Every structure is written in C-alpha cells, then in structure tokens.
Amino acid sequence: MDMLRGEKIAEANLTDWRKLAQGLHARYLVDDFGTSARFVAAVGEAGDALGHYPRVSIGPGYVDLKLITNEAIYRDSEGTEHVVEWVTQQDVDLARRITEIAADHKVDADPASVSMIELGLDTARSATIAPVWAALLTGNPEAQGRGSLSDEIRDATGRVPNMWFGEADEHETPRQRFHVEVYLAAEVAEQRIAAAIAAGGTIADASNAPGLTVIADQDGNTGIVCVDVSAAKKE
C-alpha cells in the first residue's frame, strides 16, 4: 500500500491524531483501567475488521495508540519502489474508526499531549558503526535499515527509541555527536520551546523552524524540537 504524503494526511482531518516521525499518534484520557480495557478491546475488534492494528500502551489515566504500516511503498524520483515504515490509507481509515469508538465510549482525546523521542548520531561512517548500535540497542542485526532507506536503527517491537544517523564530516576536535529529537504536535511546539528557554536554554538554530528548532542547554548540548508541518491541519 502506498505511503501517504503529509498533505494527504492533513486533508484527512484526523482530529484526535497527530503525525509524529513515521506514524500517527493519539492519546485518550480514561478514568480507570476497566475503561481502558473495554476501549482497547473495541479498538481490537475494529482492527480485526480491517486486518490492521495499532500499537497500544496503557498507563494511569491514558491509552496511547500508534498507527503505522510496516510495509508501505515509497516511490523515488525514478519510480523505483521501496518498502518503508510509514502512514498509509489503512492507518487513516483505522484512525477514523478509533475516533468513532472513543466517542461511543465517552473517552476524550488529548492530541496536544502526544510526543515521541528519537536518537540522532552525527557520523561520516553510518554503514560502519550502525551494526554496533543495532546489536547494542536491539540485539538484532536486522534492525539496521528496517523500514528505512538509510542505516537507521528501528526495533520491531518498539522497546527502544529509533536511532538515525546524520551526515557529518570526519573531524578530530571533540564535539557533541549525539542529540535527542523531540517530536511534538504542532500546536504545542512554541510552548515547549518557550519552556526550555525559560529554564535557561537558548535557540541554537531556527533556520528550519517550525519543522526543526535546535535548543541548546547552558553547557551547549543540543536537542531538536521536531514538527511534521506538512501533515499538520491548516487553519
């Protein structure tokens, strides 16, 4: 099934869901575990009907859901097909159905609260070092390049954050190479950046904002606030 571009996801107007990194994410607020279990059971039945299921995490007062297609088709500029992990129409269809189920169960969505973390490592030799990180993070060499056209490390079970490799020149001078990427809903990115600044951080690079905003702490360590602007609903 073909992957969906950001504008198509935005056009779907998935009010409960936000596109973060490769997938669609939603958080639903619940009063107790019993409510969570009944809601998730209904979601499972909807998944049975479509032959597709979300990843589910239940915690005190919330149910987190992630929708992604493991074998989405990406076509490059030459028309060559590649299998990637991304959002497809089946994810959009199930997201809509889950929104209906949430309404039936009187479960409220909290889309502004969704977030996810990825690890970034700048290197000139991703193909050389990626096997080490695949083994260390997941214990599985097949995690290297899984669902990606790059050497990115992705654990099939979602136990650990994805780790991708940014291009960098060879260098002898020590500098920060690792950073975290914080994926957020578009409507809360400014607030999160402002909070980091109020806590003593600074904006190190806003040249690609609002999609990417680099924040530095007082020691110069950086992290990146990431927003998929293309998939955000246009006001």
Protein backbone atom coordinates (compact mmCIF):
# COMPACT_ATOMS: atom_id res chain seq x y z
CA MET A 1 0.00 0.00 0.00
CA ASP A 2 1.36 3.43 -0.97
CA MET A 3 2.69 5.73 1.74
CA LEU A 4 0.75 8.97 2.23
CA ARG A 5 2.44 12.33 1.89
CA GLY A 6 1.98 14.95 4.58
CA GLU A 7 -0.60 16.97 2.67
CA LYS A 8 -2.81 13.90 2.23
CA ILE A 9 -2.63 13.20 5.94
CA ALA A 10 -3.57 16.82 6.68
CA GLU A 11 -6.52 16.58 4.29
CA ALA A 12 -7.82 13.57 6.23
CA ASN A 13 -8.58 15.94 9.17
CA LEU A 14 -7.88 13.35 11.86
CA THR A 15 -8.90 15.48 14.83
CA ASP A 16 -7.73 13.02 17.51
CA TRP A 17 -4.41 12.19 15.85
CA ARG A 18 -1.07 13.84 15.14
CA LYS A 19 1.66 12.75 12.72
CA LEU A 20 4.95 12.34 14.60
CA ALA A 21 8.00 10.97 12.77
CA GLN A 22 6.81 7.96 10.76
CA GLY A 23 3.39 7.30 12.32
CA LEU A 24 0.07 8.62 13.60
CA HIS A 25 -0.23 9.05 17.37
CA ALA A 26 -3.20 9.57 19.70
CA ARG A 27 -3.70 9.76 23.47
CA TYR A 28 -7.08 9.07 25.04
CA LEU A 29 -7.87 10.00 28.63
CA VAL A 30 -9.58 7.38 30.78
CA ASP A 31 -10.91 7.20 34.33
CA ASP A 32 -9.80 3.69 35.23
CA PHE A 33 -8.22 0.52 33.94
CA GLY A 34 -11.56 -1.10 33.20
CA THR A 35 -12.45 1.73 30.84
CA SER A 36 -9.05 1.35 29.19
CA ALA A 37 -9.54 -2.38 28.71
CA ARG A 38 -13.02 -2.02 27.21
CA PHE A 39 -11.86 0.75 24.88
CA VAL A 40 -8.82 -1.23 23.71
CA ALA A 41 -10.97 -4.34 23.19
CA ALA A 42 -13.28 -2.35 20.92
CA VAL A 43 -10.27 -0.99 19.04
CA GLY A 44 -9.08 -4.57 18.61
CA GLU A 45 -12.40 -5.55 17.06
CA ALA A 46 -12.09 -2.65 14.63
CA GLY A 47 -8.60 -3.84 13.80
CA ASP A 48 -9.93 -7.34 13.14
CA ALA A 49 -12.35 -5.90 10.60
CA LEU A 50 -9.60 -4.08 8.73
CA GLY A 51 -6.80 -6.59 9.27
CA HIS A 52 -4.62 -3.85 10.74
CA TYR A 53 -3.84 -2.89 14.34
CA PRO A 54 -2.33 -0.04 16.36
CA ARG A 55 0.46 -0.29 18.88
CA VAL A 56 -1.08 0.22 22.31
CA SER A 57 0.29 1.46 25.63
CA ILE A 58 -1.89 1.76 28.74
CA GLY A 59 -0.91 3.86 31.75
CA PRO A 60 -2.62 5.58 34.68
CA GLY A 61 -5.34 7.73 33.14
CA TYR A 62 -4.43 7.26 29.50
CA VAL A 63 -4.30 4.96 26.47
CA ASP A 64 -1.66 5.74 23.86
CA LEU A 65 -2.08 4.47 20.30
CA LYS A 66 0.28 4.49 17.33
CA LEU A 67 -0.66 3.62 13.77
CA ILE A 68 1.95 2.77 11.16
CA THR A 69 2.19 0.43 8.17
CA ASN A 70 5.30 -1.74 8.26
CA GLU A 71 5.34 -2.34 4.51
CA ALA A 72 4.35 0.99 2.98
CA ILE A 73 5.52 1.61 -0.58
CA TYR A 74 7.68 4.64 -1.34
CA ARG A 75 8.48 5.52 -4.96
CA ASP A 76 11.60 7.54 -5.58
CA SER A 77 12.08 10.11 -8.34
CA GLU A 78 12.93 7.33 -10.82
CA GLY A 79 9.82 5.33 -9.97
CA THR A 80 11.67 2.60 -8.08
CA GLU A 81 9.60 1.11 -5.26
CA HIS A 82 10.99 0.80 -1.73
CA VAL A 83 9.38 -0.77 1.33
CA VAL A 84 9.34 1.61 4.30
CA GLU A 85 7.52 2.12 7.60
CA TRP A 86 5.06 4.98 7.13
CA VAL A 87 1.44 6.07 7.22
CA THR A 88 -0.87 4.61 4.58
CA GLN A 89 -4.59 4.78 3.86
CA GLN A 90 -5.28 1.82 6.15
CA ASP A 91 -3.86 3.82 9.05
CA VAL A 92 -6.09 6.77 8.21
CA ASP A 93 -9.13 4.51 7.93
CA LEU A 94 -8.47 2.86 11.29
CA ALA A 95 -7.72 6.23 12.93
CA ARG A 96 -11.16 7.47 11.86
CA ARG A 97 -12.81 4.33 13.20
CA ILE A 98 -10.98 4.62 16.54
CA THR A 99 -12.18 8.22 16.85
CA GLU A 100 -15.75 6.94 16.46
CA ILE A 101 -15.13 4.22 19.05
CA ALA A 102 -13.73 6.77 21.50
CA ALA A 103 -16.88 8.86 21.13
CA ASP A 104 -19.04 5.80 21.76
CA HIS A 105 -17.07 5.01 24.92
CA LYS A 106 -17.10 8.66 26.02
CA VAL A 107 -13.29 8.71 26.01
CA ASP A 108 -11.72 12.09 25.27
CA ALA A 109 -8.68 12.59 23.06
CA ASP A 110 -5.74 14.76 24.14
CA PRO A 111 -3.90 15.24 20.84
CA ALA A 112 -1.67 18.07 22.06
CA SER A 113 -0.03 15.76 24.60
CA VAL A 114 1.38 13.20 22.17
CA SER A 115 5.15 13.08 21.76
CA MET A 116 7.96 10.70 20.92
CA ILE A 117 11.73 10.64 21.17
CA GLU A 118 14.31 9.55 18.62
CA LEU A 119 18.09 9.47 18.95
CA GLY A 120 20.37 11.17 16.44
CA LEU A 121 24.07 10.47 15.93
CA ASP A 122 26.15 12.54 13.52
CA THR A 123 28.76 10.47 11.71
CA ALA A 124 30.66 10.13 8.46
CA ARG A 125 30.52 6.33 8.68
CA SER A 126 26.97 5.22 9.37
CA ALA A 127 27.32 1.92 7.46
CA THR A 128 30.37 1.05 9.57
CA ILE A 129 29.03 1.88 13.01
CA ALA A 130 25.33 1.04 12.55
CA PRO A 131 25.80 -2.73 13.19
CA VAL A 132 27.27 -1.93 16.60
CA TRP A 133 24.23 0.15 17.56
CA ALA A 134 21.79 -2.39 16.11
CA ALA A 135 23.36 -5.04 18.31
CA LEU A 136 23.57 -2.81 21.38
CA LEU A 137 20.05 -1.36 21.21
CA THR A 138 18.07 -4.33 19.91
CA GLY A 139 20.29 -7.42 19.75
CA ASN A 140 19.10 -7.95 16.18
CA PRO A 141 21.20 -7.08 13.10
CA GLU A 142 18.01 -6.82 11.04
CA ALA A 143 17.12 -3.66 12.97
CA GLN A 144 19.66 -1.79 10.81
CA GLY A 145 17.79 -0.21 7.92
CA ARG A 146 14.48 -1.75 8.97
CA GLY A 147 11.64 0.16 7.29
CA SER A 148 14.05 2.84 6.15
CA LEU A 149 16.20 3.69 3.13
CA SER A 150 19.05 4.59 5.48
CA ASP A 151 21.08 2.76 8.15
CA GLU A 152 18.59 3.89 10.80
CA ILE A 153 18.09 1.50 13.73
CA ARG A 154 14.47 0.52 14.38
CA ASP A 155 13.38 -2.12 16.86
CA ALA A 156 10.44 -4.11 15.51
CA THR A 157 8.83 -4.26 18.96
CA GLY A 158 9.30 -0.58 19.81
CA ARG A 159 11.25 -1.32 23.01
CA VAL A 160 13.81 1.41 22.38
CA PRO A 161 13.74 4.73 20.50
CA ASN A 162 14.66 4.77 16.83
CA MET A 163 18.19 5.96 16.14
CA TRP A 164 19.15 7.64 12.92
CA PHE A 165 22.48 8.89 11.58
CA GLY A 166 23.06 12.45 10.44
CA GLU A 167 25.77 13.17 7.90
CA ALA A 168 28.96 14.69 9.29
CA ASP A 169 32.49 15.27 8.08
CA GLU A 170 35.38 13.39 9.66
CA HIS A 171 36.81 15.55 12.44
CA GLU A 172 39.40 15.31 15.20
CA THR A 173 38.11 18.05 17.50
CA PRO A 174 35.73 16.57 20.11
CA ARG A 175 32.17 17.84 19.81
CA GLN A 176 28.66 16.71 20.54
CA ARG A 177 27.56 13.97 18.19
CA PHE A 178 24.53 12.55 19.99
CA HIS A 179 21.32 14.50 20.38
CA VAL A 180 17.69 13.77 21.14
CA GLU A 181 14.83 14.66 18.83
CA VAL A 182 11.52 15.50 20.48
CA TYR A 183 8.56 15.08 18.13
CA LEU A 184 5.55 17.16 19.13
CA ALA A 185 2.13 18.19 17.90
CA ALA A 186 2.32 21.48 16.00
CA GLU A 187 0.07 23.34 18.44
CA VAL A 188 2.38 22.82 21.43
CA ALA A 189 5.82 23.27 19.86
CA GLU A 190 6.08 27.00 20.61
CA GLN A 191 5.05 26.43 24.21
CA ARG A 192 7.64 23.66 24.65
CA ILE A 193 10.39 25.83 23.14
CA ALA A 194 9.39 28.74 25.37
CA ALA A 195 9.53 26.49 28.42
CA ALA A 196 13.03 25.34 27.51
CA ILE A 197 14.16 28.95 27.10
CA ALA A 198 12.56 29.94 30.40
CA ALA A 199 14.53 27.14 32.03
CA GLY A 200 17.80 28.61 30.77
CA GLY A 201 18.08 27.15 27.28
CA THR A 202 18.68 29.07 24.07
CA ILE A 203 17.69 28.66 20.44
CA ALA A 204 20.86 27.49 18.69
CA ASP A 205 19.37 27.25 15.20
CA ALA A 206 15.91 28.20 13.93
CA SER A 207 16.76 28.25 10.23
CA ASN A 208 14.45 25.27 9.59
CA ALA A 209 11.71 26.27 12.04
CA PRO A 210 8.95 25.46 12.69
CA GLY A 211 9.80 21.99 11.41
CA LEU A 212 13.12 21.80 13.26
CA THR A 213 14.26 24.06 16.10
CA VAL A 214 17.60 23.35 17.77
CA ILE A 215 17.68 24.09 21.51
CA ALA A 216 20.93 24.32 23.49
CA ASP A 217 21.35 23.96 27.24
CA GLN A 218 23.77 26.03 29.32
CA ASP A 219 26.62 23.61 28.51
CA GLY A 220 25.98 23.79 24.78
CA ASN A 221 24.35 20.35 24.48
CA THR A 222 21.62 20.41 21.86
CA GLY A 223 18.26 18.77 21.24
CA ILE A 224 15.80 19.32 18.43
CA VAL A 225 12.08 20.08 18.59
CA CYS A 226 10.53 18.40 15.53
CA VAL A 227 7.12 19.10 13.97
CA ASP A 228 5.77 17.48 10.81
CA VAL A 229 4.48 20.73 9.38
CA SER A 230 3.31 19.12 6.12
CA ALA A 231 0.89 16.81 7.95
CA ALA A 232 -0.48 19.46 10.31
CA LYS A 233 -4.00 20.74 9.79
CA LYS A 234 -4.01 24.11 8.03
CA GLU A 235 -6.01 26.79 9.82
